[in-house]
Amino acid sequence: MEIESIDTTYLRPGHQEVRIVCVESPLLFWVQLRSVEKLYEKLQNKLQIKMAANKKLMTNIREDQAVSVMYNGLWHRGIITRVSRIIEAAEIFLKDIGRKICLPHNELYELDHEFRKLPWQAIMCGLAYTGSELPTPIWPEVNKNLARIIAEKNMEWINIVQPLWKGAALVNLQVQSINFDASYDFTEALIKLGIARHNKNIMEHVSPAVQ
């Protein structure tokens, strides 16, 4: 049973309350919808219990398989994106939290069908009409780090400007900072920091970006 991604074309117009779970750059970050976070918490709790009681190693490892893996002390759902037979390891995309990890084959476990019903919870996003202030094809590390500091793990609202495909969209983002007790537009904050600029095109390809 394949796990679906959230279809962003069906999300209601206006602000969606979200939590940013991972930021790679201003043009590539992942959010979870707060409207369904209780369902995800319930799934996670059941997955911890299931894997503690009865886990089964995968035997036929191949790409595009859903798996259960341990990350930061918790069990998570993931999908295999790359397999190396030489070093017996695989790249896993944790599509509920927007993280990619690499694990040896002996740390990949089967994911029961009961945990495949809820769609992947992370929506891949990029800021609409936003580009890099510097004429470069790649975001500098310092700029990516600043974007993480002011956005990651905060409460936010997104307004979907353009759905791209299932599980992805270009958005406007309003951040409610936990650390600084302030609310601000993510794009405008990046512009004030000298990281970004307004762009006449809805999408700019400065890596990493939604693609």
Foldseek 3Di string as FASTA:
>chain_A
DAAFFAFPVPDDFDKFKWAWQAFQAQFKTKIFGPVCVVVVVVLQVVVQVCCVVDWAADDDDDFQAWWWADDPRGIAIWGWHAADPVQQKTWTQRQQRGDIDIDHSRRTTHDDPVSRHHHRGIAIEHAFQKDWLDPALAQDPVNRVVLCVFGHRFIKIWGFPAGDGRRYTHTWIWTCDPVPRDIDTSRVVCVVVNTMDGHPGGDDRRPPHDD
